[in-house]
Amino acid sequence: MAFKKIVLRLARNPGFPDGDAERGYVLNAPLKTDGTLDLEAWRQDREKATVVRFDPDPDERADGWLTHRGSHWFFHYDEDREGPDEPTYRLGDHKFAVGEYLTVTGHEGDPLTYQVTSVTEG
């Protein structure tokens, strides 16, 4: 199983016409050879599947785990101040390759688009 370090940066969104490279996520996640999430590898080594939310505002930063429930993937945070779980839109269907886009519903409830800017060995 191949865990990869995946960097997502805020793409163009309402209020962010040029995106914002200082806001996003760093995932450590198992990927299949086609670049999609590997659910079986995740089940075998869940504690390695992490997520870090980065932001210029220290109060917006958080760390937690990439989790899966039912047919959905979530970013799960363990501290109340970090906010509730953040659902992702069809994360399991996305290919994690530089230039691809995906949607995360942030802890404030707004869906935002992010771009994959880096995929490296985890």
Protein backbone atom coordinates (compact mmCIF):
# COMPACT_ATOMS: atom_id res chain seq x y z
CA MET A 1 0.00 0.00 0.00
CA ALA A 2 1.31 3.39 -0.94
CA PHE A 3 0.60 6.29 1.37
CA LYS A 4 1.05 9.64 -0.32
CA LYS A 5 1.34 13.18 0.96
CA ILE A 6 -1.29 15.21 -0.90
CA VAL A 7 -1.46 19.01 -0.72
CA LEU A 8 -4.76 20.75 -1.51
CA ARG A 9 -4.85 24.54 -1.83
CA LEU A 10 -7.90 26.77 -1.97
CA ALA A 11 -8.89 27.35 -5.59
CA ARG A 12 -11.07 30.14 -6.99
CA ASN A 13 -14.19 30.47 -4.85
CA PRO A 14 -16.65 33.22 -3.91
CA GLY A 15 -14.63 35.66 -1.81
CA PHE A 16 -11.37 34.23 -3.20
CA PRO A 17 -11.31 35.17 -6.90
CA ASP A 18 -7.63 34.16 -7.19
CA GLY A 19 -7.77 31.29 -4.70
CA ASP A 20 -5.45 31.31 -1.69
CA ALA A 21 -2.31 29.18 -1.58
CA GLU A 22 -2.03 29.73 2.19
CA ARG A 23 -5.32 27.91 2.92
CA GLY A 24 -5.81 24.23 2.40
CA TYR A 25 -5.11 20.72 3.58
CA VAL A 26 -2.27 18.24 3.71
CA LEU A 27 -3.46 14.64 3.56
CA ASN A 28 -1.51 11.49 4.22
CA ALA A 29 -3.61 8.91 2.43
CA PRO A 30 -3.31 5.52 0.75
CA LEU A 31 -3.71 5.71 -3.02
CA LYS A 32 -4.20 2.99 -5.58
CA THR A 33 -2.08 3.02 -8.73
CA ASP A 34 -4.83 4.99 -10.53
CA GLY A 35 -4.54 7.81 -7.94
CA THR A 36 -7.84 7.17 -6.14
CA LEU A 37 -8.18 6.46 -2.42
CA ASP A 38 -7.52 2.86 -1.43
CA LEU A 39 -10.27 1.92 1.04
CA GLU A 40 -8.80 -1.49 1.87
CA ALA A 41 -5.36 -0.02 2.59
CA TRP A 42 -7.03 2.64 4.75
CA ARG A 43 -8.86 -0.06 6.73
CA GLN A 44 -5.54 -1.84 7.38
CA ASP A 45 -3.65 1.25 8.55
CA ARG A 46 -6.18 3.98 9.50
CA GLU A 47 -4.00 5.72 12.06
CA LYS A 48 -1.58 6.73 9.29
CA ALA A 49 -4.35 8.45 7.30
CA THR A 50 -4.12 12.01 8.59
CA VAL A 51 -5.31 15.47 7.61
CA VAL A 52 -3.91 18.88 8.53
CA ARG A 53 -5.88 22.04 7.78
CA PHE A 54 -3.56 25.01 7.24
CA ASP A 55 -4.55 28.67 7.27
CA PRO A 56 -2.89 32.03 7.99
CA ASP A 57 -5.22 32.36 11.01
CA PRO A 58 -3.92 30.10 13.80
CA ASP A 59 -7.47 29.61 15.07
CA GLU A 60 -8.41 27.97 11.76
CA ARG A 61 -5.61 25.40 11.81
CA ALA A 62 -6.48 21.84 12.76
CA ASP A 63 -5.22 18.30 12.58
CA GLY A 64 -7.05 15.02 12.57
CA TRP A 65 -7.74 11.92 10.51
CA LEU A 66 -9.10 10.97 7.15
CA THR A 67 -12.10 8.78 8.00
CA HIS A 68 -14.66 6.75 6.11
CA ARG A 69 -18.27 6.03 7.09
CA GLY A 70 -20.78 4.30 4.85
CA SER A 71 -19.85 5.44 1.36
CA HIS A 72 -18.42 8.83 2.38
CA TRP A 73 -15.01 10.20 3.37
CA PHE A 74 -14.62 12.88 6.05
CA PHE A 75 -11.92 14.96 7.67
CA HIS A 76 -12.34 14.21 11.38
CA TYR A 77 -11.02 16.49 14.13
CA ASP A 78 -10.77 15.42 17.75
CA GLU A 79 -10.92 18.80 19.47
CA ASP A 80 -14.09 20.90 19.72
CA ARG A 81 -12.22 24.09 18.83
CA GLU A 82 -11.14 22.54 15.53
CA GLY A 83 -14.74 22.21 14.38
CA PRO A 84 -16.98 19.34 13.32
CA ASP A 85 -16.12 16.70 10.76
CA GLU A 86 -15.73 18.15 7.28
CA PRO A 87 -17.48 16.09 4.59
CA THR A 88 -15.99 15.83 1.15
CA TYR A 89 -17.86 15.56 -2.13
CA ARG A 90 -17.30 12.13 -3.66
CA LEU A 91 -13.72 12.05 -2.41
CA GLY A 92 -13.48 8.33 -3.10
CA ASP A 93 -14.18 8.97 -6.80
CA HIS A 94 -11.51 11.64 -7.25
CA LYS A 95 -8.13 11.04 -8.77
CA PHE A 96 -5.41 12.69 -6.70
CA ALA A 97 -3.19 14.16 -9.38
CA VAL A 98 -1.67 17.62 -9.64
CA GLY A 99 -4.18 20.01 -11.18
CA GLU A 100 -7.32 18.07 -10.20
CA TYR A 101 -10.10 19.78 -8.19
CA LEU A 102 -12.31 18.59 -5.34
CA THR A 103 -14.84 20.03 -2.91
CA VAL A 104 -14.68 20.07 0.88
CA THR A 105 -17.50 21.40 3.04
CA GLY A 106 -15.57 23.44 5.58
CA HIS A 107 -16.26 23.51 9.30
CA GLU A 108 -18.37 26.64 8.77
CA GLY A 109 -20.66 24.71 6.42
CA ASP A 110 -19.61 26.27 3.11
CA PRO A 111 -18.51 23.98 0.26
CA LEU A 112 -15.20 25.19 -1.16
CA THR A 113 -13.17 24.01 -4.12
CA TYR A 114 -9.54 22.98 -3.67
CA GLN A 115 -6.88 22.08 -6.20
CA VAL A 116 -4.36 19.27 -5.81
CA THR A 117 -0.99 21.02 -5.96
CA SER A 118 1.35 18.21 -4.88
CA VAL A 119 1.37 14.42 -4.53
CA THR A 120 4.56 12.94 -3.12
CA GLU A 121 5.70 9.85 -1.25
CA GLY A 122 4.22 9.84 2.26
